[in-house]
């Protein structure tokens, strides 16, 4: 009941980009899309998220599907922290091919590529797609907020778990640090258990 079908499709330079469906709640948008081509064997995309008017949005995003087969479903997750998801937004996909099959790349080579000191070189883009996504309120899932307000001491520092927010696709643990702490929180490893 919270999956919004989209069926948006654009074709450019023998490449088709299709936005199949969305899962939207107050804090996150998951865009499920495909890239397909008979001409290019391997496609990837650099995504960009903008407001419906093309301006900056206070969000972070990550994409899965690097090295996916043509036509395979991919996901772009867009997270809003302080603000709620707007009524619409725009995603841009700059599509390129790297000319190799990803499964033939040795894992250590892939890691070396990620952490290389070489300057980033923008790929030669083959196509540029621009989709306006308008969210239907009847598919927008409502999250549940569970107040916790419990303080724990970690290595002498007070951390308060204020709330836990539960949405169909993710959970958020909201924390606050004490003004009296003598160190700042760089990272926190934890896990969640049900009753």
N, C-alpha and C. Protein backbone atom coordinates (compact mmCIF):
# COMPACT_ATOMS: atom_id res chain seq x y z
N UNK A 1 0.81 -1.22 0.00
CA UNK A 1 0.00 0.00 0.00
C UNK A 1 0.84 1.26 0.00
N UNK A 2 2.16 1.15 0.13
CA UNK A 2 2.99 2.34 0.12
C UNK A 2 3.96 2.37 -1.07
N UNK A 3 3.80 1.49 -2.04
CA UNK A 3 4.63 1.49 -3.25
C UNK A 3 3.91 2.28 -4.33
N UNK A 4 4.51 3.39 -4.77
CA UNK A 4 3.90 4.24 -5.78
C UNK A 4 4.46 3.88 -7.16
N UNK A 5 3.63 3.32 -8.05
CA UNK A 5 4.10 3.04 -9.41
C UNK A 5 4.38 4.34 -10.15
N UNK A 6 5.41 4.36 -10.98
CA UNK A 6 5.74 5.58 -11.73
C UNK A 6 5.68 5.37 -13.24
N UNK A 7 6.35 4.34 -13.74
CA UNK A 7 6.38 4.05 -15.18
C UNK A 7 6.79 5.27 -16.01
N UNK A 8 7.86 5.94 -15.59
CA UNK A 8 8.44 7.04 -16.35
C UNK A 8 9.61 6.49 -17.15
N UNK A 9 9.71 6.87 -18.40
CA UNK A 9 10.76 6.33 -19.25
C UNK A 9 11.26 7.39 -20.22
N UNK A 10 12.57 7.42 -20.44
CA UNK A 10 13.20 8.31 -21.41
C UNK A 10 14.28 7.53 -22.15
N UNK A 11 14.44 7.82 -23.44
CA UNK A 11 15.48 7.17 -24.24
C UNK A 11 16.35 8.23 -24.89
N UNK A 12 17.65 7.97 -24.85
CA UNK A 12 18.62 8.90 -25.43
C UNK A 12 19.85 8.09 -25.84
N UNK A 13 20.33 8.26 -27.05
CA UNK A 13 21.55 7.62 -27.53
C UNK A 13 21.50 6.09 -27.32
N UNK A 14 20.38 5.47 -27.68
CA UNK A 14 20.20 4.02 -27.56
C UNK A 14 20.24 3.52 -26.11
N UNK A 15 20.00 4.40 -25.17
CA UNK A 15 19.95 4.03 -23.75
C UNK A 15 18.58 4.44 -23.22
N UNK A 16 17.93 3.54 -22.49
CA UNK A 16 16.63 3.85 -21.88
C UNK A 16 16.78 3.85 -20.37
N UNK A 17 16.31 4.90 -19.74
CA UNK A 17 16.22 4.99 -18.29
C UNK A 17 14.74 4.96 -17.92
N UNK A 18 14.41 4.11 -16.96
CA UNK A 18 13.02 3.97 -16.53
C UNK A 18 12.93 4.05 -15.02
N UNK A 19 12.10 4.95 -14.51
CA UNK A 19 11.78 4.99 -13.09
C UNK A 19 10.54 4.13 -12.91
N UNK A 20 10.70 2.99 -12.25
CA UNK A 20 9.62 2.00 -12.15
C UNK A 20 8.65 2.32 -11.01
N UNK A 21 9.19 2.54 -9.81
CA UNK A 21 8.32 2.86 -8.68
C UNK A 21 9.11 3.51 -7.56
N UNK A 22 8.38 4.04 -6.58
CA UNK A 22 8.95 4.76 -5.44
C UNK A 22 8.40 4.18 -4.14
N UNK A 23 9.20 4.30 -3.10
CA UNK A 23 8.70 4.12 -1.73
C UNK A 23 9.08 5.40 -1.01
N UNK A 24 8.06 6.13 -0.52
CA UNK A 24 8.27 7.45 0.06
C UNK A 24 7.70 7.49 1.47
N UNK A 25 8.45 8.08 2.40
CA UNK A 25 7.90 8.40 3.71
C UNK A 25 8.35 9.80 4.08
N UNK A 26 8.19 10.21 5.31
CA UNK A 26 8.50 11.60 5.67
C UNK A 26 9.98 11.93 5.61
N UNK A 27 10.86 10.93 5.69
CA UNK A 27 12.29 11.19 5.79
C UNK A 27 13.13 10.57 4.67
N UNK A 28 12.54 9.72 3.84
CA UNK A 28 13.34 9.03 2.83
C UNK A 28 12.53 8.76 1.58
N UNK A 29 13.21 8.84 0.43
CA UNK A 29 12.63 8.45 -0.85
C UNK A 29 13.51 7.36 -1.43
N UNK A 30 12.92 6.24 -1.81
CA UNK A 30 13.63 5.18 -2.50
C UNK A 30 13.12 5.13 -3.93
N UNK A 31 14.03 5.40 -4.88
CA UNK A 31 13.68 5.44 -6.29
C UNK A 31 14.21 4.15 -6.93
N UNK A 32 13.32 3.34 -7.46
CA UNK A 32 13.71 2.08 -8.11
C UNK A 32 13.68 2.32 -9.62
N UNK A 33 14.84 2.14 -10.25
CA UNK A 33 14.97 2.49 -11.67
C UNK A 33 15.80 1.45 -12.41
N UNK A 34 15.75 1.52 -13.73
CA UNK A 34 16.51 0.63 -14.60
C UNK A 34 17.25 1.44 -15.66
N UNK A 35 18.39 0.90 -16.09
CA UNK A 35 19.11 1.40 -17.26
C UNK A 35 19.22 0.24 -18.23
N UNK A 36 18.92 0.48 -19.50
CA UNK A 36 18.94 -0.61 -20.46
C UNK A 36 19.42 -0.11 -21.82
N UNK A 37 20.12 -0.99 -22.53
CA UNK A 37 20.61 -0.65 -23.86
C UNK A 37 20.99 -1.93 -24.60
N UNK A 38 20.69 -1.94 -25.90
CA UNK A 38 21.18 -3.02 -26.75
C UNK A 38 22.58 -2.70 -27.27
N UNK A 39 22.97 -1.45 -27.18
CA UNK A 39 24.24 -1.00 -27.76
C UNK A 39 25.41 -1.14 -26.77
N UNK A 40 25.14 -0.87 -25.47
CA UNK A 40 26.20 -0.87 -24.47
C UNK A 40 26.01 -2.03 -23.50
N UNK A 41 27.11 -2.74 -23.22
CA UNK A 41 27.01 -3.93 -22.39
C UNK A 41 26.88 -3.60 -20.91
N UNK A 42 27.61 -2.58 -20.44
CA UNK A 42 27.60 -2.24 -19.02
C UNK A 42 27.34 -0.76 -18.86
N UNK A 43 26.31 -0.40 -18.09
CA UNK A 43 25.96 1.00 -17.86
C UNK A 43 25.99 1.31 -16.37
N UNK A 44 26.43 2.51 -16.06
CA UNK A 44 26.35 3.03 -14.71
C UNK A 44 25.89 4.47 -14.79
N UNK A 45 25.49 5.03 -13.66
CA UNK A 45 24.98 6.40 -13.66
C UNK A 45 25.49 7.16 -12.45
N UNK A 46 25.80 8.42 -12.65
CA UNK A 46 26.07 9.35 -11.56
C UNK A 46 24.76 10.09 -11.30
N UNK A 47 24.14 9.87 -10.13
CA UNK A 47 22.86 10.54 -9.86
C UNK A 47 23.07 11.92 -9.23
N UNK A 48 22.08 12.75 -9.39
CA UNK A 48 22.04 14.05 -8.73
C UNK A 48 20.60 14.32 -8.33
N UNK A 49 20.40 14.83 -7.12
CA UNK A 49 19.06 15.10 -6.60
C UNK A 49 18.91 16.61 -6.41
N UNK A 50 17.84 17.15 -6.94
CA UNK A 50 17.57 18.59 -6.87
C UNK A 50 16.10 18.82 -6.48
N UNK A 51 15.79 20.06 -6.14
CA UNK A 51 14.39 20.41 -5.92
C UNK A 51 13.67 20.35 -7.26
N UNK A 52 12.35 20.40 -7.22
CA UNK A 52 11.57 20.36 -8.46
C UNK A 52 11.94 21.51 -9.38
N UNK A 53 12.36 22.63 -8.80
CA UNK A 53 12.74 23.81 -9.59
C UNK A 53 14.21 23.76 -10.01
N UNK A 54 14.96 22.77 -9.54
CA UNK A 54 16.36 22.64 -9.91
C UNK A 54 17.35 23.14 -8.88
N UNK A 55 16.86 23.60 -7.73
CA UNK A 55 17.75 24.13 -6.68
C UNK A 55 18.27 23.05 -5.74
N UNK A 56 19.07 23.48 -4.78
CA UNK A 56 19.68 22.59 -3.79
C UNK A 56 18.62 22.03 -2.84
N UNK A 57 18.80 20.78 -2.43
CA UNK A 57 17.96 20.16 -1.41
C UNK A 57 18.84 19.71 -0.25
N UNK A 58 18.38 19.90 0.99
CA UNK A 58 19.17 19.47 2.15
C UNK A 58 19.01 17.96 2.39
N UNK A 59 19.69 17.17 1.57
CA UNK A 59 19.55 15.72 1.67
C UNK A 59 20.87 15.05 1.31
N UNK A 60 20.95 13.80 1.65
CA UNK A 60 22.07 12.96 1.23
C UNK A 60 21.49 11.80 0.44
N UNK A 61 22.29 11.21 -0.44
CA UNK A 61 21.75 10.10 -1.22
C UNK A 61 22.85 9.12 -1.58
N UNK A 62 22.43 7.89 -1.78
CA UNK A 62 23.34 6.82 -2.18
C UNK A 62 22.61 5.93 -3.17
N UNK A 63 23.41 5.30 -4.04
CA UNK A 63 22.82 4.48 -5.09
C UNK A 63 23.39 3.08 -5.04
N UNK A 64 22.54 2.10 -5.24
CA UNK A 64 22.99 0.72 -5.37
C UNK A 64 22.86 0.33 -6.84
N UNK A 65 23.57 -0.67 -7.22
CA UNK A 65 23.43 -1.16 -8.58
C UNK A 65 24.64 -0.93 -9.44
N UNK A 66 25.77 -0.49 -8.84
CA UNK A 66 26.98 -0.30 -9.63
C UNK A 66 27.36 -1.64 -10.23
N UNK A 67 27.50 -1.69 -11.53
CA UNK A 67 27.84 -2.95 -12.19
C UNK A 67 26.65 -3.86 -12.42
N UNK A 68 25.43 -3.35 -12.23
CA UNK A 68 24.23 -4.18 -12.45
C UNK A 68 24.09 -4.51 -13.93
N UNK A 69 23.47 -5.62 -14.20
CA UNK A 69 23.18 -6.01 -15.58
C UNK A 69 22.20 -5.01 -16.19
N UNK A 70 22.26 -4.85 -17.49
CA UNK A 70 21.29 -4.00 -18.19
C UNK A 70 19.87 -4.49 -17.88
N UNK A 71 18.99 -3.56 -17.58
CA UNK A 71 17.60 -3.88 -17.30
C UNK A 71 17.34 -4.30 -15.87
N UNK A 72 18.39 -4.51 -15.08
CA UNK A 72 18.24 -4.93 -13.68
C UNK A 72 17.79 -3.73 -12.84
N UNK A 73 16.97 -4.00 -11.83
CA UNK A 73 16.46 -2.95 -10.97
C UNK A 73 17.57 -2.40 -10.07
N UNK A 74 17.64 -1.08 -9.97
CA UNK A 74 18.61 -0.39 -9.12
C UNK A 74 17.83 0.50 -8.15
N UNK A 75 18.49 0.96 -7.10
CA UNK A 75 17.81 1.80 -6.12
C UNK A 75 18.65 3.02 -5.78
N UNK A 76 18.00 4.17 -5.75
CA UNK A 76 18.60 5.42 -5.29
C UNK A 76 17.85 5.81 -4.01
N UNK A 77 18.57 5.84 -2.87
CA UNK A 77 17.96 6.20 -1.59
C UNK A 77 18.32 7.64 -1.26
N UNK A 78 17.30 8.44 -0.98
CA UNK A 78 17.48 9.87 -0.70
C UNK A 78 17.02 10.13 0.72
N UNK A 79 17.93 10.60 1.58
CA UNK A 79 17.64 10.79 3.00
C UNK A 79 17.58 12.25 3.38
N UNK A 80 16.56 12.60 4.15
CA UNK A 80 16.41 13.94 4.71
C UNK A 80 16.55 13.80 6.23
N UNK A 81 17.38 14.63 6.84
CA UNK A 81 17.62 14.52 8.28
C UNK A 81 16.78 15.53 9.04
N UNK A 82 17.05 16.81 8.83
CA UNK A 82 16.32 17.85 9.58
C UNK A 82 14.99 18.21 8.93
N UNK A 83 14.93 18.16 7.61
CA UNK A 83 13.71 18.51 6.89
C UNK A 83 12.95 17.25 6.51
N UNK A 84 11.67 17.42 6.22
CA UNK A 84 10.87 16.31 5.71
C UNK A 84 10.99 16.26 4.19
N UNK A 85 10.60 15.14 3.61
CA UNK A 85 10.61 14.97 2.17
C UNK A 85 9.64 15.98 1.56
N UNK A 86 10.06 16.70 0.50
CA UNK A 86 9.13 17.64 -0.14
C UNK A 86 8.07 16.91 -0.96
N UNK A 87 7.13 17.65 -1.51
CA UNK A 87 6.04 17.05 -2.30
C UNK A 87 6.52 16.52 -3.64
N UNK A 88 7.67 17.00 -4.10
CA UNK A 88 8.24 16.54 -5.37
C UNK A 88 9.73 16.85 -5.36
N UNK A 89 10.46 16.19 -6.23
CA UNK A 89 11.87 16.49 -6.43
C UNK A 89 12.29 16.00 -7.81
N UNK A 90 13.49 16.35 -8.18
CA UNK A 90 14.01 16.03 -9.51
C UNK A 90 15.25 15.17 -9.34
N UNK A 91 15.35 14.09 -10.13
CA UNK A 91 16.59 13.31 -10.15
C UNK A 91 17.17 13.37 -11.55
N UNK A 92 18.48 13.51 -11.58
CA UNK A 92 19.21 13.51 -12.84
C UNK A 92 20.14 12.30 -12.84
N UNK A 93 20.21 11.61 -13.95
CA UNK A 93 21.09 10.46 -14.10
C UNK A 93 22.01 10.73 -15.29
N UNK A 94 23.29 10.85 -15.01
CA UNK A 94 24.29 10.99 -16.06
C UNK A 94 24.87 9.61 -16.29
N UNK A 95 24.62 9.04 -17.47
CA UNK A 95 24.91 7.62 -17.73
C UNK A 95 26.20 7.48 -18.54
N UNK A 96 26.97 6.47 -18.17
CA UNK A 96 28.23 6.19 -18.85
C UNK A 96 28.46 4.68 -18.88
N UNK A 97 29.40 4.26 -19.69
CA UNK A 97 29.83 2.87 -19.70
C UNK A 97 31.33 2.86 -19.47
N UNK A 98 31.78 1.88 -18.69
CA UNK A 98 33.22 1.80 -18.47
C UNK A 98 33.86 0.74 -19.35
N UNK A 99 33.06 0.05 -20.14
CA UNK A 99 33.59 -0.88 -21.12
C UNK A 99 34.10 -2.19 -20.57
N UNK A 100 33.92 -2.45 -19.26
CA UNK A 100 34.36 -3.73 -18.70
C UNK A 100 33.23 -4.36 -17.91
N UNK A 101 33.29 -5.65 -17.75
CA UNK A 101 32.34 -6.36 -16.91
C UNK A 101 32.86 -6.30 -15.48
N UNK A 102 32.05 -5.86 -14.54
CA UNK A 102 32.52 -5.65 -13.18
C UNK A 102 32.94 -6.94 -12.48
N UNK A 103 32.32 -8.06 -12.85
CA UNK A 103 32.70 -9.30 -12.17
C UNK A 103 34.10 -9.76 -12.54
N UNK A 104 34.68 -9.17 -13.60
CA UNK A 104 36.04 -9.53 -14.00
C UNK A 104 37.10 -8.68 -13.29
N UNK A 105 36.67 -7.73 -12.47
CA UNK A 105 37.60 -6.88 -11.76
C UNK A 105 37.93 -7.55 -10.42
N UNK A 106 39.21 -7.73 -10.14
CA UNK A 106 39.63 -8.34 -8.88
C UNK A 106 39.22 -7.45 -7.72
N UNK A 107 38.76 -8.02 -6.59
CA UNK A 107 38.31 -7.20 -5.44
C UNK A 107 39.37 -6.21 -4.99
N UNK A 108 40.65 -6.64 -4.96
CA UNK A 108 41.68 -5.70 -4.51
C UNK A 108 41.86 -4.54 -5.48
N UNK A 109 41.60 -4.76 -6.77
CA UNK A 109 41.67 -3.68 -7.75
C UNK A 109 40.54 -2.70 -7.53
N UNK A 110 39.34 -3.22 -7.24
CA UNK A 110 38.19 -2.35 -6.98
C UNK A 110 38.47 -1.47 -5.76
N UNK A 111 39.05 -2.03 -4.69
CA UNK A 111 39.39 -1.25 -3.49
C UNK A 111 40.45 -0.22 -3.82
N UNK A 112 41.47 -0.62 -4.60
CA UNK A 112 42.52 0.32 -4.99
C UNK A 112 41.94 1.49 -5.77
N UNK A 113 40.97 1.21 -6.64
CA UNK A 113 40.35 2.27 -7.43
C UNK A 113 39.61 3.26 -6.56
N UNK A 114 38.93 2.75 -5.53
CA UNK A 114 38.14 3.62 -4.64
C UNK A 114 39.05 4.55 -3.85
N UNK A 115 40.18 4.01 -3.35
CA UNK A 115 41.05 4.79 -2.47
C UNK A 115 42.28 5.35 -3.19
N UNK A 116 42.22 5.44 -4.47
CA UNK A 116 43.33 5.95 -5.26
C UNK A 116 43.55 7.43 -4.99
N UNK A 117 44.81 7.86 -5.04
CA UNK A 117 45.14 9.28 -4.89
C UNK A 117 45.03 10.03 -6.21
N UNK A 118 44.76 9.29 -7.28
CA UNK A 118 44.63 9.93 -8.58
C UNK A 118 43.44 10.88 -8.58
N UNK A 119 43.56 12.04 -9.24
CA UNK A 119 42.42 12.96 -9.30
C UNK A 119 41.24 12.32 -10.05
N UNK A 120 40.05 12.65 -9.61
CA UNK A 120 38.84 12.10 -10.22
C UNK A 120 38.70 12.64 -11.64
N UNK A 121 38.48 11.75 -12.56
CA UNK A 121 38.22 12.15 -13.93
C UNK A 121 36.78 11.80 -14.27
N UNK A 122 36.03 12.82 -14.65
CA UNK A 122 34.63 12.60 -15.00
C UNK A 122 34.55 11.72 -16.24
N UNK A 123 33.69 10.71 -16.22
CA UNK A 123 33.59 9.84 -17.39
C UNK A 123 32.96 10.57 -18.57
N UNK A 124 33.10 9.97 -19.74
CA UNK A 124 32.43 10.50 -20.92
C UNK A 124 30.98 10.04 -20.87
N UNK A 125 30.08 10.96 -20.55
CA UNK A 125 28.68 10.59 -20.41
C UNK A 125 28.05 10.35 -21.78
N UNK A 126 27.23 9.31 -21.83
CA UNK A 126 26.56 8.94 -23.06
C UNK A 126 25.15 9.51 -23.13
N UNK A 127 24.55 9.74 -21.98
CA UNK A 127 23.17 10.23 -21.94
C UNK A 127 22.94 10.96 -20.62
N UNK A 128 22.01 11.90 -20.64
CA UNK A 128 21.64 12.67 -19.45
C UNK A 128 20.12 12.61 -19.33
N UNK A 129 19.65 12.06 -18.23
CA UNK A 129 18.20 11.94 -18.01
C UNK A 129 17.79 12.83 -16.85
N UNK A 130 16.60 13.38 -16.94
CA UNK A 130 16.07 14.29 -15.93
C UNK A 130 14.62 13.92 -15.67
N UNK A 131 14.32 13.43 -14.46
CA UNK A 131 12.97 13.00 -14.11
C UNK A 131 12.42 13.87 -12.98
N UNK A 132 11.22 14.39 -13.18
CA UNK A 132 10.51 15.07 -12.11
C UNK A 132 9.64 14.04 -11.41
N UNK A 133 9.85 13.86 -10.11
CA UNK A 133 9.10 12.88 -9.33
C UNK A 133 8.13 13.62 -8.41
N UNK A 134 6.85 13.38 -8.62
CA UNK A 134 5.81 13.97 -7.78
C UNK A 134 5.21 12.87 -6.93
N UNK A 135 5.13 13.10 -5.63
CA UNK A 135 4.74 12.06 -4.69
C UNK A 135 3.25 12.13 -4.40
N UNK A 136 2.59 11.01 -4.59
CA UNK A 136 1.16 10.91 -4.33
C UNK A 136 0.97 10.65 -2.83
N UNK A 137 0.28 11.56 -2.12
CA UNK A 137 0.13 11.41 -0.66
C UNK A 137 -0.51 10.09 -0.24
N UNK A 138 -1.32 9.48 -1.11
CA UNK A 138 -1.97 8.23 -0.69
C UNK A 138 -0.97 7.08 -0.59
N UNK A 139 0.23 7.23 -1.22
CA UNK A 139 1.26 6.21 -1.12
C UNK A 139 2.36 6.57 -0.12
N UNK A 140 2.30 7.77 0.43
CA UNK A 140 3.35 8.19 1.35
C UNK A 140 3.12 7.55 2.71
N UNK A 141 4.05 6.70 3.08
CA UNK A 141 3.91 5.95 4.33
C UNK A 141 4.21 6.85 5.53
N UNK A 142 3.44 6.69 6.56
CA UNK A 142 3.62 7.46 7.78
C UNK A 142 4.49 6.65 8.74
N UNK A 143 5.51 7.30 9.25
CA UNK A 143 6.38 6.64 10.21
C UNK A 143 5.80 6.70 11.61
N UNK A 144 6.37 5.90 12.49
CA UNK A 144 5.98 5.92 13.89
C UNK A 144 7.19 6.33 14.71
N UNK A 145 6.97 7.25 15.64
CA UNK A 145 8.04 7.72 16.51
C UNK A 145 7.80 7.17 17.91
N UNK A 146 8.81 6.47 18.43
CA UNK A 146 8.74 5.91 19.77
C UNK A 146 9.70 6.68 20.68
N UNK A 147 9.16 7.44 21.65
CA UNK A 147 10.04 8.18 22.56
C UNK A 147 10.81 7.21 23.46
N UNK A 148 12.09 7.46 23.64
CA UNK A 148 12.92 6.60 24.49
C UNK A 148 13.44 7.41 25.67
N UNK A 149 14.10 8.53 25.39
CA UNK A 149 14.65 9.42 26.43
C UNK A 149 15.42 8.66 27.50
N UNK A 150 16.37 7.86 27.05
CA UNK A 150 17.21 7.08 27.96
C UNK A 150 18.67 7.46 27.74
N UNK A 151 19.35 7.78 28.82
CA UNK A 151 20.76 8.17 28.75
C UNK A 151 21.64 6.98 29.11
N UNK A 152 22.67 6.79 28.33
CA UNK A 152 23.66 5.75 28.60
C UNK A 152 25.02 6.43 28.68
N UNK A 153 25.92 5.82 29.44
CA UNK A 153 27.28 6.34 29.58
C UNK A 153 28.20 5.44 28.77
N UNK A 154 28.87 6.02 27.79
CA UNK A 154 29.80 5.29 26.93
C UNK A 154 31.18 5.88 27.12
N UNK A 155 32.07 5.10 27.71
CA UNK A 155 33.45 5.54 27.96
C UNK A 155 33.47 6.92 28.63
N UNK A 156 32.59 7.08 29.62
CA UNK A 156 32.55 8.31 30.41
C UNK A 156 31.77 9.45 29.78
N UNK A 157 31.17 9.22 28.61
CA UNK A 157 30.43 10.27 27.92
C UNK A 157 28.93 9.94 27.95
N UNK A 158 28.09 10.95 28.18
CA UNK A 158 26.64 10.75 28.27
C UNK A 158 26.00 10.91 26.89
N UNK A 159 25.33 9.85 26.45
CA UNK A 159 24.61 9.85 25.18
C UNK A 159 23.14 9.55 25.49
N UNK A 160 22.24 10.39 25.01
CA UNK A 160 20.82 10.18 25.24
C UNK A 160 20.15 9.71 23.96
N UNK A 161 19.51 8.57 24.02
CA UNK A 161 18.69 8.09 22.91
C UNK A 161 17.34 8.76 23.10
N UNK A 162 17.03 9.72 22.24
CA UNK A 162 15.81 10.51 22.42
C UNK A 162 14.58 9.81 21.85
N UNK A 163 14.69 9.33 20.59
CA UNK A 163 13.56 8.69 19.91
C UNK A 163 14.07 7.59 19.00
N UNK A 164 13.16 6.70 18.65
CA UNK A 164 13.40 5.75 17.56
C UNK A 164 12.26 5.96 16.57
N UNK A 165 12.62 6.23 15.31
CA UNK A 165 11.64 6.43 14.25
C UNK A 165 11.63 5.19 13.36
N UNK A 166 10.44 4.64 13.11
CA UNK A 166 10.33 3.44 12.29
C UNK A 166 9.50 3.75 11.05
N UNK A 167 10.10 3.45 9.88
CA UNK A 167 9.46 3.67 8.59
C UNK A 167 9.44 2.34 7.84
N UNK A 168 8.70 2.24 6.75
CA UNK A 168 8.63 0.96 6.03
C UNK A 168 9.98 0.46 5.53
N UNK A 169 10.89 1.37 5.17
CA UNK A 169 12.16 0.94 4.58
C UNK A 169 13.36 1.14 5.49
N UNK A 170 13.20 1.83 6.62
CA UNK A 170 14.36 2.06 7.47
C UNK A 170 13.93 2.49 8.87
N UNK A 171 14.92 2.51 9.75
CA UNK A 171 14.72 2.93 11.13
C UNK A 171 15.77 3.99 11.46
N UNK A 172 15.41 4.98 12.25
CA UNK A 172 16.35 6.01 12.69
C UNK A 172 16.41 6.02 14.20
N UNK A 173 17.61 6.07 14.72
CA UNK A 173 17.82 6.20 16.16
C UNK A 173 18.35 7.61 16.39
N UNK A 174 17.56 8.43 17.05
CA UNK A 174 17.92 9.83 17.30
C UNK A 174 18.65 9.92 18.63
N UNK A 175 19.85 10.53 18.60
CA UNK A 175 20.64 10.64 19.82
C UNK A 175 21.01 12.09 20.07
N UNK A 176 21.30 12.40 21.32
CA UNK A 176 21.78 13.72 21.72
C UNK A 176 22.95 13.52 22.65
N UNK A 177 23.93 14.42 22.53
CA UNK A 177 25.10 14.34 23.40
C UNK A 177 24.99 15.42 24.48
N UNK A 178 25.55 15.13 25.65
CA UNK A 178 25.51 16.08 26.75
C UNK A 178 26.51 17.21 26.52
N UNK A 179 26.12 18.40 26.92
CA UNK A 179 27.02 19.56 26.82
C UNK A 179 28.23 19.39 27.74
N UNK A 180 28.13 18.51 28.74
CA UNK A 180 29.23 18.28 29.69
C UNK A 180 30.23 17.24 29.20
N UNK A 181 29.97 16.63 28.07
CA UNK A 181 30.91 15.62 27.55
C UNK A 181 32.27 16.25 27.26
N UNK A 182 33.32 15.45 27.46
CA UNK A 182 34.68 15.94 27.22
C UNK A 182 35.25 15.41 25.91
N UNK A 183 34.47 14.63 25.18
CA UNK A 183 34.89 14.09 23.88
C UNK A 183 33.68 14.10 22.96
N UNK A 184 33.95 14.09 21.67
CA UNK A 184 32.85 14.07 20.72
C UNK A 184 32.73 12.69 20.09
N UNK A 185 31.52 12.37 19.69
CA UNK A 185 31.22 11.04 19.15
C UNK A 185 31.61 10.98 17.69
N UNK A 186 32.63 10.16 17.39
CA UNK A 186 33.07 10.00 15.99
C UNK A 186 32.31 8.89 15.29
N UNK A 187 31.95 7.87 16.02
CA UNK A 187 31.24 6.73 15.43
C UNK A 187 30.58 5.94 16.54
N UNK A 188 29.60 5.14 16.15
CA UNK A 188 28.88 4.35 17.14
C UNK A 188 28.43 3.05 16.50
N UNK A 189 28.94 1.95 17.01
CA UNK A 189 28.52 0.65 16.51
C UNK A 189 27.46 0.09 17.46
N UNK A 190 26.35 -0.36 16.91
CA UNK A 190 25.27 -0.88 17.73
C UNK A 190 24.40 -1.80 16.90
N UNK A 191 23.51 -2.50 17.55
CA UNK A 191 22.52 -3.30 16.83
C UNK A 191 21.20 -3.17 17.56
N UNK A 192 20.13 -3.51 16.85
CA UNK A 192 18.77 -3.39 17.37
C UNK A 192 18.21 -4.79 17.58
N UNK A 193 17.57 -5.04 18.72
CA UNK A 193 16.89 -6.31 18.97
C UNK A 193 15.42 -6.04 19.24
N UNK A 194 14.56 -6.93 18.78
CA UNK A 194 13.15 -6.85 19.16
C UNK A 194 13.00 -7.47 20.55
N UNK A 195 11.76 -7.49 21.10
CA UNK A 195 11.56 -8.07 22.43
C UNK A 195 11.92 -9.54 22.42
